[in-house]
Amino acid sequence: MNRILATQARARAVLAAAGHRIAGPRDRGDVPGWVLITIMTAGLVTALWAIAGPQLGQLFSDAISNVKGP
């Protein structure tokens, strides 16, 4: 166990000397990844809806009108 802790300490020292920021246990970043994924997904959906909205509406209308009931 002591060897693992010593190795981690050496690795942190090397990274700190190279100018890398070492995250502490409380440092979780500015924005969680799931927030970015949600925002990007909403942006993609909005962009696709703006570009292909009328075509998608017509496609849906055509599909519903072609459904034959009993």
N, C-alpha and C. Protein backbone atom coordinates (compact mmCIF):
# COMPACT_ATOMS: atom_id res chain seq x y z
N MET A 1 0.82 -1.19 0.00
CA MET A 1 0.00 0.00 0.00
C MET A 1 0.87 1.26 0.00
N ASN A 2 1.96 1.21 0.76
CA ASN A 2 2.86 2.36 0.83
C ASN A 2 3.50 2.64 -0.53
N ARG A 3 3.78 1.57 -1.28
CA ARG A 3 4.38 1.75 -2.61
C ARG A 3 3.40 2.46 -3.54
N ILE A 4 2.12 2.12 -3.42
CA ILE A 4 1.10 2.77 -4.26
C ILE A 4 1.00 4.25 -3.93
N LEU A 5 0.96 4.57 -2.65
CA LEU A 5 0.89 5.98 -2.24
C LEU A 5 2.14 6.75 -2.65
N ALA A 6 3.29 6.11 -2.56
CA ALA A 6 4.53 6.77 -2.97
C ALA A 6 4.54 7.00 -4.47
N THR A 7 4.05 6.03 -5.23
CA THR A 7 3.98 6.18 -6.68
C THR A 7 3.02 7.29 -7.06
N GLN A 8 1.86 7.37 -6.39
CA GLN A 8 0.90 8.44 -6.66
C GLN A 8 1.50 9.80 -6.34
N ALA A 9 2.23 9.88 -5.23
CA ALA A 9 2.85 11.15 -4.85
C ALA A 9 3.89 11.57 -5.88
N ARG A 10 4.69 10.61 -6.37
CA ARG A 10 5.68 10.93 -7.41
C ARG A 10 5.00 11.39 -8.69
N ALA A 11 3.92 10.71 -9.06
CA ALA A 11 3.21 11.08 -10.28
C ALA A 11 2.62 12.49 -10.16
N ARG A 12 2.05 12.80 -9.01
CA ARG A 12 1.52 14.16 -8.79
C ARG A 12 2.63 15.20 -8.86
N ALA A 13 3.78 14.88 -8.30
CA ALA A 13 4.90 15.82 -8.32
C ALA A 13 5.38 16.05 -9.75
N VAL A 14 5.47 15.00 -10.53
CA VAL A 14 5.91 15.14 -11.93
C VAL A 14 4.90 15.97 -12.71
N LEU A 15 3.61 15.69 -12.53
CA LEU A 15 2.59 16.45 -13.25
C LEU A 15 2.58 17.91 -12.82
N ALA A 16 2.73 18.16 -11.52
CA ALA A 16 2.75 19.54 -11.03
C ALA A 16 3.97 20.28 -11.57
N ALA A 17 5.11 19.60 -11.65
CA ALA A 17 6.32 20.23 -12.19
C ALA A 17 6.16 20.54 -13.67
N ALA A 18 5.37 19.74 -14.37
CA ALA A 18 5.16 19.96 -15.80
C ALA A 18 4.09 21.02 -16.05
N GLY A 19 3.47 21.52 -14.99
CA GLY A 19 2.49 22.58 -15.16
C GLY A 19 1.05 22.09 -15.26
N HIS A 20 0.81 20.83 -15.04
CA HIS A 20 -0.55 20.30 -15.10
C HIS A 20 -1.27 20.61 -13.79
N ARG A 21 -2.54 20.93 -13.91
CA ARG A 21 -3.36 21.17 -12.72
C ARG A 21 -3.83 19.83 -12.19
N ILE A 22 -3.64 19.60 -10.94
CA ILE A 22 -4.04 18.34 -10.33
C ILE A 22 -5.33 18.56 -9.56
N ALA A 23 -6.37 17.83 -9.93
CA ALA A 23 -7.67 17.99 -9.30
C ALA A 23 -7.67 17.35 -7.93
N GLY A 24 -8.20 18.07 -7.00
CA GLY A 24 -8.36 17.54 -5.65
C GLY A 24 -9.65 16.73 -5.57
N PRO A 25 -9.91 16.15 -4.42
CA PRO A 25 -11.11 15.33 -4.28
C PRO A 25 -12.40 16.13 -4.40
N ARG A 26 -12.37 17.43 -4.11
CA ARG A 26 -13.59 18.24 -4.20
C ARG A 26 -13.73 18.92 -5.55
N ASP A 27 -12.68 18.95 -6.34
CA ASP A 27 -12.71 19.64 -7.62
C ASP A 27 -13.42 18.77 -8.66
N ARG A 28 -14.61 19.17 -9.04
CA ARG A 28 -15.40 18.36 -9.96
C ARG A 28 -15.56 19.03 -11.32
N GLY A 29 -14.90 20.14 -11.56
CA GLY A 29 -15.02 20.82 -12.84
C GLY A 29 -16.06 21.91 -12.77
N ASP A 30 -16.11 22.70 -13.84
CA ASP A 30 -17.04 23.82 -13.88
C ASP A 30 -18.47 23.36 -14.18
N VAL A 31 -18.62 22.58 -15.23
CA VAL A 31 -19.95 22.14 -15.67
C VAL A 31 -19.92 20.62 -15.79
N PRO A 32 -20.87 19.94 -15.15
CA PRO A 32 -20.91 18.48 -15.29
C PRO A 32 -21.16 18.06 -16.73
N GLY A 33 -20.66 16.91 -17.09
CA GLY A 33 -20.79 16.43 -18.47
C GLY A 33 -22.23 16.25 -18.90
N TRP A 34 -23.10 15.82 -17.99
CA TRP A 34 -24.48 15.60 -18.39
C TRP A 34 -25.19 16.90 -18.75
N VAL A 35 -24.75 18.02 -18.15
CA VAL A 35 -25.35 19.31 -18.50
C VAL A 35 -24.97 19.68 -19.92
N LEU A 36 -23.70 19.49 -20.26
CA LEU A 36 -23.26 19.80 -21.62
C LEU A 36 -23.95 18.91 -22.65
N ILE A 37 -24.09 17.63 -22.34
CA ILE A 37 -24.76 16.71 -23.27
C ILE A 37 -26.22 17.13 -23.46
N THR A 38 -26.90 17.51 -22.39
CA THR A 38 -28.29 17.93 -22.49
C THR A 38 -28.44 19.19 -23.33
N ILE A 39 -27.58 20.15 -23.10
CA ILE A 39 -27.65 21.41 -23.86
C ILE A 39 -27.33 21.17 -25.33
N MET A 40 -26.31 20.36 -25.61
CA MET A 40 -25.96 20.10 -27.01
C MET A 40 -27.07 19.32 -27.71
N THR A 41 -27.70 18.37 -27.03
CA THR A 41 -28.80 17.62 -27.62
C THR A 41 -29.97 18.54 -27.93
N ALA A 42 -30.31 19.42 -27.00
CA ALA A 42 -31.40 20.36 -27.24
C ALA A 42 -31.07 21.27 -28.43
N GLY A 43 -29.84 21.69 -28.55
CA GLY A 43 -29.43 22.51 -29.69
C GLY A 43 -29.55 21.78 -31.00
N LEU A 44 -29.12 20.52 -31.01
CA LEU A 44 -29.24 19.73 -32.25
C LEU A 44 -30.69 19.51 -32.65
N VAL A 45 -31.53 19.20 -31.68
CA VAL A 45 -32.96 19.00 -31.97
C VAL A 45 -33.57 20.27 -32.51
N THR A 46 -33.25 21.40 -31.91
CA THR A 46 -33.78 22.69 -32.37
C THR A 46 -33.32 22.99 -33.79
N ALA A 47 -32.05 22.75 -34.06
CA ALA A 47 -31.52 23.02 -35.41
C ALA A 47 -32.19 22.11 -36.45
N LEU A 48 -32.30 20.83 -36.13
CA LEU A 48 -32.96 19.90 -37.07
C LEU A 48 -34.42 20.26 -37.27
N TRP A 49 -35.10 20.65 -36.21
CA TRP A 49 -36.51 21.02 -36.31
C TRP A 49 -36.67 22.26 -37.19
N ALA A 50 -35.77 23.22 -37.03
CA ALA A 50 -35.85 24.45 -37.83
C ALA A 50 -35.61 24.16 -39.31
N ILE A 51 -34.69 23.24 -39.59
CA ILE A 51 -34.33 22.95 -40.98
C ILE A 51 -35.34 22.02 -41.62
N ALA A 52 -35.72 20.96 -40.92
CA ALA A 52 -36.53 19.91 -41.54
C ALA A 52 -37.96 19.85 -41.00
N GLY A 53 -38.40 20.85 -40.23
CA GLY A 53 -39.73 20.83 -39.64
C GLY A 53 -40.87 20.65 -40.64
N PRO A 54 -40.93 21.48 -41.67
CA PRO A 54 -42.02 21.33 -42.63
C PRO A 54 -42.01 19.97 -43.36
N GLN A 55 -40.83 19.49 -43.70
CA GLN A 55 -40.75 18.20 -44.38
C GLN A 55 -41.18 17.07 -43.46
N LEU A 56 -40.79 17.15 -42.19
CA LEU A 56 -41.20 16.12 -41.23
C LEU A 56 -42.70 16.16 -41.01
N GLY A 57 -43.28 17.35 -40.96
CA GLY A 57 -44.74 17.48 -40.81
C GLY A 57 -45.47 16.88 -41.99
N GLN A 58 -44.97 17.14 -43.18
CA GLN A 58 -45.60 16.58 -44.38
C GLN A 58 -45.45 15.06 -44.42
N LEU A 59 -44.30 14.57 -44.04
CA LEU A 59 -44.06 13.13 -43.99
C LEU A 59 -45.04 12.46 -43.02
N PHE A 60 -45.24 13.06 -41.86
CA PHE A 60 -46.18 12.51 -40.88
C PHE A 60 -47.61 12.53 -41.41
N SER A 61 -47.99 13.66 -42.02
CA SER A 61 -49.34 13.77 -42.58
C SER A 61 -49.58 12.73 -43.67
N ASP A 62 -48.60 12.53 -44.54
CA ASP A 62 -48.73 11.53 -45.60
C ASP A 62 -48.85 10.13 -45.01
N ALA A 63 -48.07 9.85 -43.99
CA ALA A 63 -48.10 8.53 -43.38
C ALA A 63 -49.46 8.27 -42.72
N ILE A 64 -50.01 9.25 -42.03
CA ILE A 64 -51.31 9.08 -41.37
C ILE A 64 -52.42 8.94 -42.40
N SER A 65 -52.34 9.71 -43.48
CA SER A 65 -53.41 9.63 -44.49
C SER A 65 -53.39 8.30 -45.26
N ASN A 66 -52.25 7.62 -45.28
CA ASN A 66 -52.16 6.34 -45.98
C ASN A 66 -52.56 5.15 -45.12
N VAL A 67 -52.84 5.38 -43.85
CA VAL A 67 -53.26 4.29 -42.97
C VAL A 67 -54.71 3.93 -43.30
N LYS A 68 -54.92 2.66 -43.55
CA LYS A 68 -56.26 2.18 -43.89
C LYS A 68 -56.86 1.47 -42.67
N GLY A 69 -58.04 1.86 -42.32
CA GLY A 69 -58.72 1.24 -41.19
C GLY A 69 -59.59 0.08 -41.63
N PRO A 70 -60.18 -0.64 -40.68
CA PRO A 70 -61.04 -1.78 -41.03
C PRO A 70 -62.36 -1.38 -41.65
